[in-house]
Amino acid sequence: MFKSCSRCGKVHSTNYKCNYNSYKKDTEARSIRQKNSWHKKSEEIRKASNYLCSVCREEGIYTYKGLEVHHITPIEEDKDRVLDNYNLICLCQEHHKQAEIGKIDRDYLYKLASDRENT
């Protein structure tokens, strides 16, 4: 017997346990995101972005719901840039997902973060 998987959308045997999009509970990135310093920096970036998605704003759209702060260079690649203003950008959930999978160019995101810091 087969069923549609709620995690990945594929069809699996009913005995199959899908690990799609599961996260490791003890990753360093997860522990960093739980620290007070990260929460303060996240709020600082949102405030500096006027509580708007940077990509939407560049396109002339003002999205203020579902904002998230994105690490342009992931924590796993460079832990030294965790709280670097030039590595953080405020994005709506849709653009955050696109940035995570590489659909939005990192150089473009760095430009937007730099523009925010220089104004």
Protein backbone atom coordinates (compact mmCIF):
# COMPACT_ATOMS: atom_id res chain seq x y z
CA MET A 1 0.00 0.00 0.00
CA PHE A 2 1.22 3.52 -0.83
CA LYS A 3 0.46 6.97 0.50
CA SER A 4 1.22 10.56 -0.41
CA CYS A 5 3.95 12.00 1.83
CA SER A 6 3.06 15.16 3.76
CA ARG A 7 6.76 16.12 3.96
CA CYS A 8 7.95 15.84 0.36
CA GLY A 9 4.77 15.31 -1.66
CA LYS A 10 6.01 12.07 -3.23
CA VAL A 11 4.31 8.68 -2.99
CA HIS A 12 5.94 6.17 -0.63
CA SER A 13 5.15 2.79 0.81
CA THR A 14 3.17 3.10 4.05
CA ASN A 15 6.16 1.57 5.93
CA TYR A 16 8.64 4.18 4.59
CA LYS A 17 9.74 7.00 6.92
CA CYS A 18 10.56 10.11 4.90
CA ASN A 19 13.32 12.35 6.27
CA TYR A 20 12.75 15.19 3.80
CA ASN A 21 13.27 18.63 5.33
CA SER A 22 14.02 17.20 8.77
CA TYR A 23 16.54 19.16 10.78
CA LYS A 24 19.25 18.14 13.18
CA LYS A 25 18.33 19.24 16.67
CA ASP A 26 21.85 19.92 17.88
CA THR A 27 23.31 21.92 14.99
CA GLU A 28 25.49 24.90 15.78
CA ALA A 29 23.29 27.14 13.62
CA ARG A 30 20.24 26.19 15.67
CA SER A 31 21.99 26.97 18.96
CA ILE A 32 23.17 30.35 17.60
CA ARG A 33 19.62 31.28 16.60
CA GLN A 34 18.44 30.64 20.17
CA LYS A 35 20.83 33.17 21.71
CA ASN A 36 19.72 36.58 22.87
CA SER A 37 22.42 38.27 20.78
CA TRP A 38 20.84 36.81 17.62
CA HIS A 39 17.35 37.99 18.61
CA LYS A 40 18.64 41.51 19.23
CA LYS A 41 20.53 41.57 15.91
CA SER A 42 17.50 40.19 14.07
CA GLU A 43 15.33 42.99 15.46
CA GLU A 44 18.01 45.54 14.57
CA ILE A 45 18.06 44.36 10.94
CA ARG A 46 14.26 44.44 10.70
CA LYS A 47 14.18 47.95 12.11
CA ALA A 48 16.94 49.15 9.75
CA SER A 49 14.87 47.70 6.86
CA ASN A 50 11.81 49.65 8.07
CA TYR A 51 10.10 46.31 8.69
CA LEU A 52 9.87 45.65 4.94
CA CYS A 53 11.15 42.83 2.71
CA SER A 54 14.24 44.19 0.94
CA VAL A 55 13.61 42.31 -2.33
CA CYS A 56 9.93 43.28 -2.49
CA ARG A 57 10.83 46.89 -1.72
CA GLU A 58 13.33 46.92 -4.58
CA GLU A 59 10.48 45.77 -6.86
CA GLY A 60 8.20 48.55 -5.58
CA ILE A 61 6.10 46.27 -3.37
CA TYR A 62 5.81 46.89 0.37
CA THR A 63 5.62 43.56 2.20
CA TYR A 64 5.68 43.76 5.97
CA LYS A 65 4.04 40.46 6.96
CA GLY A 66 5.97 37.27 7.67
CA LEU A 67 9.40 38.89 7.77
CA GLU A 68 12.49 36.82 8.48
CA VAL A 69 16.16 37.69 8.71
CA HIS A 70 18.30 35.69 6.28
CA HIS A 71 22.02 34.88 6.47
CA ILE A 72 23.27 35.49 2.93
CA THR A 73 26.34 33.36 3.62
CA PRO A 74 24.94 30.47 5.70
CA ILE A 75 26.17 29.97 9.25
CA GLU A 76 27.56 26.55 8.28
CA GLU A 77 29.84 28.19 5.67
CA ASP A 78 31.17 31.05 7.82
CA LYS A 79 30.38 31.29 11.54
CA ASP A 80 32.31 34.53 11.87
CA ARG A 81 29.63 36.38 9.88
CA VAL A 82 26.68 35.35 12.08
CA LEU A 83 26.05 38.88 13.38
CA ASP A 84 27.57 40.81 10.45
CA ASN A 85 25.10 43.46 9.21
CA TYR A 86 26.38 43.07 5.64
CA ASN A 87 25.55 39.34 5.73
CA LEU A 88 22.00 39.76 7.04
CA ILE A 89 18.92 40.84 5.12
CA CYS A 90 15.23 41.17 5.95
CA LEU A 91 13.06 39.07 3.63
CA CYS A 92 9.45 37.94 3.42
CA GLN A 93 8.88 34.20 3.75
CA GLU A 94 8.59 33.68 -0.01
CA HIS A 95 11.85 35.46 -0.83
CA HIS A 96 13.56 33.77 2.13
CA LYS A 97 12.67 30.36 0.68
CA GLN A 98 13.96 31.43 -2.73
CA ALA A 99 17.21 32.74 -1.23
CA GLU A 100 17.71 29.50 0.72
CA ILE A 101 17.54 27.37 -2.44
CA GLY A 102 19.66 29.77 -4.49
CA LYS A 103 16.99 31.30 -6.74
CA ILE A 104 18.03 34.77 -5.61
CA ASP A 105 21.66 35.62 -6.34
CA ARG A 106 23.86 36.18 -3.28
CA ASP A 107 25.57 39.18 -4.88
CA TYR A 108 22.17 40.84 -5.33
CA LEU A 109 21.35 40.23 -1.66
CA TYR A 110 24.76 41.60 -0.60
CA LYS A 111 24.04 44.72 -2.67
CA LEU A 112 20.67 45.21 -0.94
CA ALA A 113 22.25 44.72 2.50
CA SER A 114 25.03 47.15 1.64
CA ASP A 115 22.51 49.72 0.40
CA ARG A 116 20.60 49.40 3.69
CA GLU A 117 23.75 49.93 5.74
CA ASN A 118 24.95 52.90 3.69
CA THR A 119 21.73 54.91 3.94
